[in-house]
Amino acid sequence: MQAFSNQYNSRSSSTLTDWQRYQLEDALSRLSPQQRECYELAHGGCYPYAEIATMLGISKGTVQGYVERAQKKVTEDLNSSLFLI
């Protein structure tokens, strides 16, 4: 969660509001299981795509595709939630 929060909030993760945590968890919950796993390993775990591919038994290109689609969905979800405030 900390690595994700730093992408959207320049302060430390401990300064995330409950609402910001909810928004992030909600955005992640909308991903497919494969997208979420790859996204969390890449952004939350800071693993390189090649290492994720080895861990999951899939190609590096597949990992990259999952992460890119996940990033697009998370960004769209977080941007759309700004209009709810």
C-alpha atoms as a PDB file:
ATOM      1  CA  MET A   1       0.000   0.000   0.000  1.00  0.00           C
ATOM      2  CA  GLN A   2       2.852   2.388   0.790  1.00  0.00           C
ATOM      3  CA  ALA A   3       4.349   2.294  -2.706  1.00  0.00           C
ATOM      4  CA  PHE A   4       0.910   2.851  -4.240  1.00  0.00           C
ATOM      5  CA  SER A   5       0.169   5.770  -1.992  1.00  0.00           C
ATOM      6  CA  ASN A   6       3.439   7.497  -2.798  1.00  0.00           C
ATOM      7  CA  GLN A   7       2.454   7.583  -6.454  1.00  0.00           C
ATOM      8  CA  TYR A   8      -0.652   9.622  -5.674  1.00  0.00           C
ATOM      9  CA  ASN A   9       0.453  11.485  -2.588  1.00  0.00           C
ATOM     10  CA  SER A  10       3.880  13.003  -2.114  1.00  0.00           C
ATOM     11  CA  ARG A  11       3.596  12.810   1.668  1.00  0.00           C
ATOM     12  CA  SER A  12       4.294   9.603   3.556  1.00  0.00           C
ATOM     13  CA  SER A  13       1.688   6.838   3.455  1.00  0.00           C
ATOM     14  CA  SER A  14       0.894   7.430   7.097  1.00  0.00           C
ATOM     15  CA  THR A  15      -0.697  10.750   6.099  1.00  0.00           C
ATOM     16  CA  LEU A  16      -3.242   9.179   3.748  1.00  0.00           C
ATOM     17  CA  THR A  17      -6.746   9.918   4.820  1.00  0.00           C
ATOM     18  CA  ASP A  18      -9.255   7.140   5.304  1.00  0.00           C
ATOM     19  CA  TRP A  19     -10.981   8.366   2.136  1.00  0.00           C
ATOM     20  CA  GLN A  20      -7.768   8.136   0.102  1.00  0.00           C
ATOM     21  CA  ARG A  21      -7.136   4.617   1.384  1.00  0.00           C
ATOM     22  CA  TYR A  22     -10.688   3.662   0.481  1.00  0.00           C
ATOM     23  CA  GLN A  23     -10.310   5.112  -3.015  1.00  0.00           C
ATOM     24  CA  LEU A  24      -7.109   3.181  -3.631  1.00  0.00           C
ATOM     25  CA  GLU A  25      -8.486  -0.107  -2.301  1.00  0.00           C
ATOM     26  CA  ASP A  26     -11.639   0.370  -4.340  1.00  0.00           C
ATOM     27  CA  ALA A  27      -9.644   1.014  -7.519  1.00  0.00           C
ATOM     28  CA  LEU A  28      -7.490  -2.085  -6.903  1.00  0.00           C
ATOM     29  CA  SER A  29     -10.561  -4.213  -6.229  1.00  0.00           C
ATOM     30  CA  ARG A  30     -11.826  -3.502  -9.747  1.00  0.00           C
ATOM     31  CA  LEU A  31      -8.807  -5.149 -11.378  1.00  0.00           C
ATOM     32  CA  SER A  32      -8.782  -8.735 -12.570  1.00  0.00           C
ATOM     33  CA  PRO A  33      -6.879 -11.078 -10.258  1.00  0.00           C
ATOM     34  CA  GLN A  34      -4.003 -11.266 -12.757  1.00  0.00           C
ATOM     35  CA  GLN A  35      -3.842  -7.501 -13.224  1.00  0.00           C
ATOM     36  CA  ARG A  36      -3.926  -6.856  -9.498  1.00  0.00           C
ATOM     37  CA  GLU A  37      -1.235  -9.422  -8.729  1.00  0.00           C
ATOM     38  CA  CYS A  38       1.114  -8.073 -11.390  1.00  0.00           C
ATOM     39  CA  TYR A  39       0.349  -4.447 -10.478  1.00  0.00           C
ATOM     40  CA  GLU A  40       0.934  -5.019  -6.771  1.00  0.00           C
ATOM     41  CA  LEU A  41       4.174  -6.907  -7.387  1.00  0.00           C
ATOM     42  CA  ALA A  42       5.445  -4.232  -9.791  1.00  0.00           C
ATOM     43  CA  HIS A  43       4.356  -1.129  -7.882  1.00  0.00           C
ATOM     44  CA  GLY A  44       3.934  -2.341  -4.321  1.00  0.00           C
ATOM     45  CA  GLY A  45       6.749  -4.883  -4.290  1.00  0.00           C
ATOM     46  CA  CYS A  46       9.049  -3.050  -6.729  1.00  0.00           C
ATOM     47  CA  TYR A  47       9.783  -6.270  -8.616  1.00  0.00           C
ATOM     48  CA  PRO A  48      10.990  -5.995 -12.216  1.00  0.00           C
ATOM     49  CA  TYR A  49       8.694  -7.414 -14.894  1.00  0.00           C
ATOM     50  CA  ALA A  50      11.131 -10.227 -15.679  1.00  0.00           C
ATOM     51  CA  GLU A  51      11.129 -11.403 -12.066  1.00  0.00           C
ATOM     52  CA  ILE A  52       7.335 -11.229 -11.841  1.00  0.00           C
ATOM     53  CA  ALA A  53       7.107 -13.258 -15.041  1.00  0.00           C
ATOM     54  CA  THR A  54       9.358 -15.933 -13.557  1.00  0.00           C
ATOM     55  CA  MET A  55       7.417 -16.022 -10.281  1.00  0.00           C
ATOM     56  CA  LEU A  56       4.070 -16.372 -12.046  1.00  0.00           C
ATOM     57  CA  GLY A  57       5.191 -18.583 -14.918  1.00  0.00           C
ATOM     58  CA  ILE A  58       4.099 -16.130 -17.613  1.00  0.00           C
ATOM     59  CA  SER A  59       5.972 -14.041 -20.169  1.00  0.00           C
ATOM     60  CA  LYS A  60       7.458 -10.650 -19.428  1.00  0.00           C
ATOM     61  CA  GLY A  61       5.226  -9.171 -22.161  1.00  0.00           C
ATOM     62  CA  THR A  62       2.138 -10.573 -20.452  1.00  0.00           C
ATOM     63  CA  VAL A  63       3.211  -9.002 -17.165  1.00  0.00           C
ATOM     64  CA  GLN A  64       3.781  -5.689 -18.906  1.00  0.00           C
ATOM     65  CA  GLY A  65       0.331  -5.850 -20.496  1.00  0.00           C
ATOM     66  CA  TYR A  66      -1.361  -6.632 -17.176  1.00  0.00           C
ATOM     67  CA  VAL A  67       0.472  -3.794 -15.413  1.00  0.00           C
ATOM     68  CA  GLU A  68      -0.272  -1.274 -18.159  1.00  0.00           C
ATOM     69  CA  ARG A  69      -3.977  -2.131 -18.240  1.00  0.00           C
ATOM     70  CA  ALA A  70      -4.124  -2.075 -14.445  1.00  0.00           C
ATOM     71  CA  GLN A  71      -2.392   1.318 -14.307  1.00  0.00           C
ATOM     72  CA  LYS A  72      -4.884   2.730 -16.798  1.00  0.00           C
ATOM     73  CA  LYS A  73      -7.860   1.426 -14.787  1.00  0.00           C
ATOM     74  CA  VAL A  74      -6.478   2.615 -11.439  1.00  0.00           C
ATOM     75  CA  THR A  75      -5.718   6.068 -12.850  1.00  0.00           C
ATOM     76  CA  GLU A  76      -9.199   6.336 -14.379  1.00  0.00           C
ATOM     77  CA  ASP A  77     -10.841   5.237 -11.131  1.00  0.00           C
ATOM     78  CA  LEU A  78      -8.840   7.647  -9.000  1.00  0.00           C
ATOM     79  CA  ASN A  79      -9.405  10.528 -11.413  1.00  0.00           C
ATOM     80  CA  SER A  80     -13.145   9.880 -11.595  1.00  0.00           C
ATOM     81  CA  SER A  81     -13.399   9.738  -7.805  1.00  0.00           C
ATOM     82  CA  LEU A  82     -12.037  13.294  -7.615  1.00  0.00           C
ATOM     83  CA  PHE A  83     -15.356  14.487  -8.991  1.00  0.00           C
ATOM     84  CA  LEU A  84     -17.175  12.921  -6.050  1.00  0.00           C
ATOM     85  CA  ILE A  85     -15.495  15.156  -3.478  1.00  0.00           C
END
